[in-house]
Amino acid sequence: MVHRVLFWSGFGVAVRFWQLGLEMRPLFNRGSLWAWPLFAGVGGSFGYWLQGVDERQTATLEERKQIILEKRARKTGRDAEKSQA
């Protein structure tokens, strides 16, 4: 999980580089140094949120997969009983 948060923090910093490059402004201006941690924090927060979304979706998919497998097993059992009768 930490690696995703670090990745998205780096992504936030990269977005700041891109923004300043598009604006043709110096990368490390004394008056705007506060924006670097802000962009890293926003990116890291997004990564943390995205990790939670991924975990919830994976759990939901696994639960649905188990339900489908149980239904298939019950159907196979019913079909086997019908063929024996």
C-alpha atoms as a PDB file:
ATOM      1  CA  MET A   1       0.000   0.000   0.000  1.00  0.00           C
ATOM      2  CA  VAL A   2       2.819   2.368   0.837  1.00  0.00           C
ATOM      3  CA  HIS A   3       4.316   1.981  -2.620  1.00  0.00           C
ATOM      4  CA  ARG A   4       1.088   3.208  -4.246  1.00  0.00           C
ATOM      5  CA  VAL A   5       0.904   6.246  -1.980  1.00  0.00           C
ATOM      6  CA  LEU A   6       4.543   7.038  -2.745  1.00  0.00           C
ATOM      7  CA  PHE A   7       3.898   6.589  -6.459  1.00  0.00           C
ATOM      8  CA  TRP A   8       0.956   8.993  -6.403  1.00  0.00           C
ATOM      9  CA  SER A   9       2.938  11.475  -4.300  1.00  0.00           C
ATOM     10  CA  GLY A  10       5.617  11.365  -6.980  1.00  0.00           C
ATOM     11  CA  PHE A  11       2.913  11.796  -9.585  1.00  0.00           C
ATOM     12  CA  GLY A  12       1.721  14.939  -7.791  1.00  0.00           C
ATOM     13  CA  VAL A  13       5.273  16.310  -7.836  1.00  0.00           C
ATOM     14  CA  ALA A  14       5.560  15.447 -11.542  1.00  0.00           C
ATOM     15  CA  VAL A  15       2.327  17.344 -12.191  1.00  0.00           C
ATOM     16  CA  ARG A  16       3.862  20.364 -10.449  1.00  0.00           C
ATOM     17  CA  PHE A  17       6.959  20.083 -12.688  1.00  0.00           C
ATOM     18  CA  TRP A  18       4.681  19.900 -15.721  1.00  0.00           C
ATOM     19  CA  GLN A  19       2.600  22.866 -14.584  1.00  0.00           C
ATOM     20  CA  LEU A  20       5.640  25.067 -14.047  1.00  0.00           C
ATOM     21  CA  GLY A  21       7.130  23.912 -17.346  1.00  0.00           C
ATOM     22  CA  LEU A  22       3.978  24.881 -19.234  1.00  0.00           C
ATOM     23  CA  GLU A  23       3.964  28.258 -17.543  1.00  0.00           C
ATOM     24  CA  MET A  24       7.730  28.622 -18.215  1.00  0.00           C
ATOM     25  CA  ARG A  25       8.332  29.545 -14.590  1.00  0.00           C
ATOM     26  CA  PRO A  26      11.353  28.590 -12.474  1.00  0.00           C
ATOM     27  CA  LEU A  27      10.932  25.200 -10.823  1.00  0.00           C
ATOM     28  CA  PHE A  28      12.022  26.264  -7.342  1.00  0.00           C
ATOM     29  CA  ASN A  29      10.881  29.815  -6.712  1.00  0.00           C
ATOM     30  CA  ARG A  30      11.203  30.883  -3.086  1.00  0.00           C
ATOM     31  CA  GLY A  31       7.669  32.289  -3.007  1.00  0.00           C
ATOM     32  CA  SER A  32       6.006  29.136  -4.296  1.00  0.00           C
ATOM     33  CA  LEU A  33       7.890  26.367  -2.490  1.00  0.00           C
ATOM     34  CA  TRP A  34       4.758  25.667  -0.430  1.00  0.00           C
ATOM     35  CA  ALA A  35       3.099  24.172  -3.533  1.00  0.00           C
ATOM     36  CA  TRP A  36       5.499  21.202  -3.776  1.00  0.00           C
ATOM     37  CA  PRO A  37       4.333  19.493  -0.563  1.00  0.00           C
ATOM     38  CA  LEU A  38       0.755  20.424  -1.437  1.00  0.00           C
ATOM     39  CA  PHE A  39       0.931  18.654  -4.795  1.00  0.00           C
ATOM     40  CA  ALA A  40       2.705  15.669  -3.214  1.00  0.00           C
ATOM     41  CA  GLY A  41       0.073  15.526  -0.459  1.00  0.00           C
ATOM     42  CA  VAL A  42      -2.840  15.721  -2.879  1.00  0.00           C
ATOM     43  CA  GLY A  43      -1.262  13.014  -5.036  1.00  0.00           C
ATOM     44  CA  GLY A  44      -0.583  10.813  -2.006  1.00  0.00           C
ATOM     45  CA  SER A  45      -4.128  11.308  -0.729  1.00  0.00           C
ATOM     46  CA  PHE A  46      -5.482  10.310  -4.106  1.00  0.00           C
ATOM     47  CA  GLY A  47      -3.307   7.184  -4.049  1.00  0.00           C
ATOM     48  CA  TYR A  48      -4.512   6.285  -0.564  1.00  0.00           C
ATOM     49  CA  TRP A  49      -8.152   6.713  -1.643  1.00  0.00           C
ATOM     50  CA  LEU A  50      -7.550   4.725  -4.822  1.00  0.00           C
ATOM     51  CA  GLN A  51      -6.008   1.878  -2.792  1.00  0.00           C
ATOM     52  CA  GLY A  52      -9.173   1.719  -0.673  1.00  0.00           C
ATOM     53  CA  VAL A  53     -11.358   1.655  -3.784  1.00  0.00           C
ATOM     54  CA  ASP A  54      -9.264  -1.177  -5.205  1.00  0.00           C
ATOM     55  CA  GLU A  55      -9.513  -3.212  -1.994  1.00  0.00           C
ATOM     56  CA  ARG A  56     -13.293  -2.753  -1.766  1.00  0.00           C
ATOM     57  CA  GLN A  57     -13.811  -3.695  -5.414  1.00  0.00           C
ATOM     58  CA  THR A  58     -11.578  -6.750  -5.082  1.00  0.00           C
ATOM     59  CA  ALA A  59     -13.509  -7.897  -1.998  1.00  0.00           C
ATOM     60  CA  THR A  60     -16.848  -7.386  -3.776  1.00  0.00           C
ATOM     61  CA  LEU A  61     -15.677  -9.302  -6.842  1.00  0.00           C
ATOM     62  CA  GLU A  62     -14.363 -12.161  -4.703  1.00  0.00           C
ATOM     63  CA  GLU A  63     -17.674 -12.345  -2.808  1.00  0.00           C
ATOM     64  CA  ARG A  64     -19.664 -12.412  -6.049  1.00  0.00           C
ATOM     65  CA  LYS A  65     -17.332 -15.042  -7.479  1.00  0.00           C
ATOM     66  CA  GLN A  66     -17.945 -17.282  -4.453  1.00  0.00           C
ATOM     67  CA  ILE A  67     -21.722 -16.827  -4.782  1.00  0.00           C
ATOM     68  CA  ILE A  68     -21.609 -17.779  -8.475  1.00  0.00           C
ATOM     69  CA  LEU A  69     -19.427 -20.832  -7.766  1.00  0.00           C
ATOM     70  CA  GLU A  70     -21.851 -21.978  -5.050  1.00  0.00           C
ATOM     71  CA  LYS A  71     -24.816 -21.554  -7.417  1.00  0.00           C
ATOM     72  CA  ARG A  72     -23.010 -23.571 -10.095  1.00  0.00           C
ATOM     73  CA  ALA A  73     -22.212 -26.315  -7.610  1.00  0.00           C
ATOM     74  CA  ARG A  74     -25.877 -26.490  -6.526  1.00  0.00           C
ATOM     75  CA  LYS A  75     -27.025 -26.616 -10.157  1.00  0.00           C
ATOM     76  CA  THR A  76     -24.520 -29.356 -10.949  1.00  0.00           C
ATOM     77  CA  GLY A  77     -25.848 -31.324  -7.949  1.00  0.00           C
ATOM     78  CA  ARG A  78     -29.450 -30.892  -9.087  1.00  0.00           C
ATOM     79  CA  ASP A  79     -28.545 -31.930 -12.640  1.00  0.00           C
ATOM     80  CA  ALA A  80     -26.749 -35.007 -11.321  1.00  0.00           C
ATOM     81  CA  GLU A  81     -29.825 -35.973  -9.266  1.00  0.00           C
ATOM     82  CA  LYS A  82     -32.115 -35.542 -12.265  1.00  0.00           C
ATOM     83  CA  SER A  83     -29.894 -37.695 -14.464  1.00  0.00           C
ATOM     84  CA  GLN A  84     -29.868 -40.491 -11.844  1.00  0.00           C
ATOM     85  CA  ALA A  85     -33.634 -40.499 -11.448  1.00  0.00           C
END
